[in-house]
């Protein structure tokens, strides 16, 4: 995918680009180590106005590619949630365990939402290795199973070394572990992760998790309500796709 030529709209230090409604509780987003940088709270509010905080030029970051093995949901879903995340990020794990399953059941399974994953490894070599391993698992149709195993409670504390990645792949049900290792270490996985990370940098992402929901930026593992309100506002604003549209995954 070609990168946006528009001026990047930054999601910096755990603070969303736009705060449009006060009073929504938030968590602090994790940030990559940055000597001398001061922390700040994550404030990613949503509004009842479906156009508030939405940047039309950012909607083009959704790939809507039927062959995307790191995506979940209908290609023609009216709402696309893009997540930029790192497998060593604690708050990414919190989102994966507590919030994402609810969104899948409530919106993905009903054809309203598509989730597109972007590997954004920022915590060193093990982050990079886990990202490439997730991509490799995806080549055998087991990305989301690997995602679940890697984000299980206490999983990141065990690290993402060679043996651990193989164990996670086995837990995820990856059928060909030899191919998994070859794919993980190959140039194609390196390029795939680089493309995802480059897209995040184009946006100015510097913390994980960070999200786009139909062009609306949200930073941090926000409460469930922040996502449901944003998704429902986006669905209301989206053109009708038609229930019989093809291209479901």
Protein backbone atom coordinates (compact mmCIF):
# COMPACT_ATOMS: atom_id res chain seq x y z
CA UNK A 1 0.00 0.00 0.00
CA UNK A 2 1.30 3.46 -0.81
CA UNK A 3 1.77 5.72 2.16
CA UNK A 4 -0.33 8.81 2.62
CA UNK A 5 1.20 11.94 1.16
CA UNK A 6 -0.75 14.15 3.52
CA UNK A 7 0.92 15.69 6.53
CA UNK A 8 1.18 13.02 9.25
CA UNK A 9 -1.26 13.43 12.13
CA UNK A 10 0.67 12.37 15.20
CA UNK A 11 -0.46 10.05 17.96
CA UNK A 12 2.30 10.89 20.41
CA UNK A 13 3.27 9.75 23.92
CA UNK A 14 0.00 8.00 24.61
CA UNK A 15 -2.13 11.09 23.81
CA UNK A 16 -4.71 10.86 21.03
CA UNK A 17 -4.65 13.41 18.25
CA UNK A 18 -7.95 14.96 19.20
CA UNK A 19 -9.88 15.12 22.48
CA UNK A 20 -13.48 16.09 21.74
CA UNK A 21 -15.44 15.17 24.83
CA UNK A 22 -14.27 15.36 28.44
CA UNK A 23 -15.11 12.84 31.09
CA UNK A 24 -14.26 9.47 29.49
CA UNK A 25 -12.10 7.37 31.79
CA UNK A 26 -8.77 6.27 30.33
CA UNK A 27 -5.75 4.12 30.92
CA UNK A 28 -2.14 5.23 30.43
CA UNK A 29 -0.75 3.91 27.15
CA UNK A 30 2.63 2.24 27.15
CA UNK A 31 5.44 4.13 25.47
CA UNK A 32 8.77 3.05 24.00
CA UNK A 33 11.76 4.08 26.14
CA UNK A 34 12.76 7.65 25.36
CA UNK A 35 15.49 9.19 27.51
CA UNK A 36 14.43 12.54 28.85
CA UNK A 37 10.89 12.25 27.57
CA UNK A 38 8.17 13.01 30.08
CA UNK A 39 5.09 10.79 30.33
CA UNK A 40 1.57 12.01 29.80
CA UNK A 41 -1.88 10.60 30.28
CA UNK A 42 -3.83 8.97 27.52
CA UNK A 43 -6.98 10.91 26.72
CA UNK A 44 -8.83 9.42 23.78
CA UNK A 45 -12.38 10.64 23.97
CA UNK A 46 -15.18 10.00 21.52
CA UNK A 47 -18.20 12.09 20.70
CA UNK A 48 -21.83 11.48 19.85
CA UNK A 49 -21.12 13.45 16.68
CA UNK A 50 -20.01 10.72 14.21
CA UNK A 51 -17.70 13.14 12.38
CA UNK A 52 -15.93 14.50 15.48
CA UNK A 53 -12.24 13.69 15.59
CA UNK A 54 -12.38 11.94 12.22
CA UNK A 55 -9.74 12.59 9.54
CA UNK A 56 -11.03 11.52 6.14
CA UNK A 57 -7.51 11.12 4.75
CA UNK A 58 -6.76 8.46 7.38
CA UNK A 59 -9.58 6.17 6.25
CA UNK A 60 -7.36 5.15 3.35
CA UNK A 61 -5.01 3.35 5.73
CA UNK A 62 -7.51 0.46 5.85
CA UNK A 63 -6.35 -2.18 3.36
CA UNK A 64 -9.58 -4.15 2.96
CA UNK A 65 -7.57 -6.92 1.33
CA UNK A 66 -9.36 -10.28 1.19
CA UNK A 67 -5.97 -12.05 1.27
CA UNK A 68 -4.83 -10.26 4.44
CA UNK A 69 -4.11 -13.07 6.90
CA UNK A 70 -3.72 -10.62 9.80
CA UNK A 71 -7.28 -9.31 9.52
CA UNK A 72 -10.58 -10.49 10.92
CA UNK A 73 -14.06 -9.76 9.60
CA UNK A 74 -15.81 -8.88 6.37
CA UNK A 75 -13.80 -7.01 3.76
CA UNK A 76 -16.85 -4.81 3.14
CA UNK A 77 -17.67 -4.17 6.81
CA UNK A 78 -18.76 -0.55 7.29
CA UNK A 79 -16.19 0.00 10.05
CA UNK A 80 -12.49 -0.88 10.06
CA UNK A 81 -10.48 -0.81 13.28
CA UNK A 82 -6.72 -0.75 12.63
CA UNK A 83 -4.54 -1.66 15.59
CA UNK A 84 -0.82 -0.83 15.85
CA UNK A 85 0.59 -3.03 18.59
CA UNK A 86 3.61 -4.81 20.06
CA UNK A 87 3.52 -8.29 21.61
CA UNK A 88 5.70 -7.08 24.52
CA UNK A 89 3.27 -4.28 25.31
CA UNK A 90 1.29 -4.90 28.51
CA UNK A 91 -1.59 -2.63 27.57
CA UNK A 92 -1.83 -4.28 24.16
CA UNK A 93 -2.30 -7.53 26.04
CA UNK A 94 -4.98 -5.94 28.19
CA UNK A 95 -6.87 -4.85 25.09
CA UNK A 96 -6.45 -8.29 23.50
CA UNK A 97 -7.77 -10.13 26.57
CA UNK A 98 -10.44 -7.78 27.89
CA UNK A 99 -11.79 -5.68 25.04
CA UNK A 100 -11.12 -7.27 21.67
CA UNK A 101 -13.14 -10.47 22.31
CA UNK A 102 -16.17 -8.33 23.15
CA UNK A 103 -15.75 -6.31 19.95
CA UNK A 104 -15.42 -9.50 17.92
CA UNK A 105 -18.62 -10.98 19.33
CA UNK A 106 -20.61 -7.76 19.23
CA UNK A 107 -19.46 -6.30 15.91
CA UNK A 108 -17.15 -8.55 13.86
CA UNK A 109 -19.44 -11.58 13.97
CA UNK A 110 -22.38 -9.40 12.90
CA UNK A 111 -20.52 -7.99 9.90
CA UNK A 112 -20.26 -4.45 11.27
CA UNK A 113 -16.53 -4.39 12.07
CA UNK A 114 -13.31 -5.54 10.46
CA UNK A 115 -10.12 -5.60 12.54
CA UNK A 116 -6.82 -5.13 10.73
CA UNK A 117 -3.64 -5.82 12.69
CA UNK A 118 -0.44 -3.88 12.13
CA UNK A 119 2.80 -5.13 13.69
CA UNK A 120 4.47 -2.17 15.39
CA UNK A 121 7.41 -3.63 17.34
CA UNK A 122 9.11 -0.92 19.39
CA UNK A 123 10.55 -2.73 22.43
CA UNK A 124 13.65 -4.29 20.90
CA UNK A 125 14.75 -7.56 19.33
CA UNK A 126 12.16 -9.78 21.00
CA UNK A 127 9.38 -7.46 19.87
CA UNK A 128 10.65 -7.75 16.31
CA UNK A 129 10.96 -11.54 16.62
CA UNK A 130 7.42 -11.91 17.97
CA UNK A 131 6.05 -9.69 15.21
CA UNK A 132 7.70 -11.79 12.53
CA UNK A 133 6.53 -14.97 14.23
CA UNK A 134 2.94 -13.73 14.23
CA UNK A 135 3.21 -13.02 10.52
CA UNK A 136 4.64 -16.50 9.94
CA UNK A 137 1.79 -18.10 11.89
CA UNK A 138 -0.60 -16.11 9.73
CA UNK A 139 0.79 -17.68 6.58
CA UNK A 140 -0.66 -20.95 7.84
CA UNK A 141 -3.94 -19.39 8.89
CA UNK A 142 -3.12 -19.25 12.60
CA UNK A 143 -2.39 -15.58 13.23
CA UNK A 144 -5.26 -14.97 15.64
CA UNK A 145 -4.52 -18.17 17.54
CA UNK A 146 -0.87 -17.07 17.89
CA UNK A 147 -2.08 -13.59 18.90
CA UNK A 148 -4.20 -15.14 21.68
CA UNK A 149 -1.34 -17.33 22.93
CA UNK A 150 1.21 -14.50 22.87
CA UNK A 151 -1.13 -12.17 24.75
CA UNK A 152 -2.25 -14.67 27.38
CA UNK A 153 -1.81 -13.52 30.97
CA UNK A 154 1.88 -13.84 31.88
CA UNK A 155 3.00 -14.79 28.36
CA UNK A 156 5.20 -11.79 27.68
CA UNK A 157 7.08 -12.32 30.94
CA UNK A 158 8.37 -15.59 29.50
CA UNK A 159 10.00 -13.71 26.64
CA UNK A 160 9.98 -14.33 22.92
CA UNK A 161 13.18 -16.27 22.32
CA UNK A 162 13.59 -19.00 19.71
CA UNK A 163 12.20 -21.86 21.80
CA UNK A 164 9.40 -19.79 23.23
CA UNK A 165 8.21 -18.71 19.76
CA UNK A 166 8.18 -22.33 18.64
CA UNK A 167 6.15 -23.24 21.73
CA UNK A 168 3.65 -20.46 21.03
CA UNK A 169 3.31 -21.62 17.42
CA UNK A 170 2.62 -25.16 18.61
CA UNK A 171 0.07 -23.86 21.14
CA UNK A 172 -1.56 -21.86 18.34
CA UNK A 173 -1.92 -24.99 16.24
CA UNK A 174 0.48 -23.98 13.46
CA UNK A 175 0.62 -27.24 11.46
CA UNK A 176 4.10 -27.00 9.90
CA UNK A 177 6.63 -25.78 12.45
CA UNK A 178 9.56 -26.13 10.06
CA UNK A 179 7.83 -23.83 7.58
CA UNK A 180 6.90 -21.50 10.44
CA UNK A 181 10.57 -21.11 11.38
CA UNK A 182 11.60 -20.61 7.76
CA UNK A 183 8.91 -17.98 7.19
CA UNK A 184 9.69 -16.24 10.48
CA UNK A 185 13.38 -15.86 9.66
CA UNK A 186 12.91 -15.05 5.98
CA UNK A 187 13.17 -11.74 4.17
CA UNK A 188 9.44 -11.62 3.39
CA UNK A 189 8.45 -11.49 7.06
CA UNK A 190 11.02 -8.78 7.68
CA UNK A 191 9.56 -6.70 4.86
CA UNK A 192 5.96 -7.28 5.98
CA UNK A 193 6.73 -6.06 9.49
CA UNK A 194 8.69 -3.13 8.10
CA UNK A 195 5.73 -2.05 5.96
CA UNK A 196 3.36 -2.15 8.96
CA UNK A 197 5.77 -0.25 11.16
CA UNK A 198 6.42 2.29 8.43
CA UNK A 199 2.72 2.96 8.13
CA UNK A 200 2.57 3.61 11.86
CA UNK A 201 5.50 6.00 11.69
CA UNK A 202 3.80 7.81 8.80
CA UNK A 203 0.92 8.47 11.19
CA UNK A 204 3.25 9.59 13.97
CA UNK A 205 2.46 6.60 16.19
CA UNK A 206 4.96 6.36 19.05
CA UNK A 207 3.00 4.38 21.66
CA UNK A 208 1.16 1.10 21.75
CA UNK A 209 -1.59 0.24 21.38
CA UNK A 210 -2.80 2.90 18.96
CA UNK A 211 -5.90 2.63 16.79
CA UNK A 212 -7.72 4.10 13.84
CA UNK A 213 -11.48 3.57 13.61
CA UNK A 214 -12.65 4.78 10.19
CA UNK A 215 -10.13 7.61 10.38
CA UNK A 216 -10.62 8.42 14.07
CA UNK A 217 -7.42 8.03 16.16
CA UNK A 218 -7.58 6.47 19.61
CA UNK A 219 -4.51 5.84 21.75
CA UNK A 220 -4.15 3.43 24.64
CA UNK A 221 -6.09 0.48 26.06
CA UNK A 222 -9.18 2.60 26.58
CA UNK A 223 -12.31 1.36 28.35
CA UNK A 224 -14.63 -0.76 26.25
CA UNK A 225 -17.13 2.09 26.01
CA UNK A 226 -14.64 4.28 24.14
CA UNK A 227 -14.43 1.67 21.38
CA UNK A 228 -18.14 0.80 21.24
CA UNK A 229 -19.10 4.47 20.98
CA UNK A 230 -16.54 5.11 18.25
CA UNK A 231 -17.56 1.99 16.30
CA UNK A 232 -21.26 2.74 16.51
CA UNK A 233 -20.72 6.36 15.49
CA UNK A 234 -18.60 5.22 12.54
CA UNK A 235 -21.18 2.62 11.51
CA UNK A 236 -23.92 5.24 11.61
CA UNK A 237 -21.88 7.60 9.44
CA UNK A 238 -20.73 4.96 6.94
CA UNK A 239 -22.49 4.48 3.59
CA UNK A 240 -24.68 1.38 3.49
CA UNK A 241 -22.74 -1.62 2.20
CA UNK A 242 -25.72 -3.88 1.67
CA UNK A 243 -26.22 -7.12 3.53
CA UNK A 244 -25.58 -9.26 0.46
CA UNK A 245 -22.15 -7.82 -0.39
CA UNK A 246 -19.45 -10.37 -1.15
CA UNK A 247 -15.94 -10.67 0.22
CA UNK A 248 -16.49 -11.87 3.78
CA UNK A 249 -13.62 -13.57 5.61
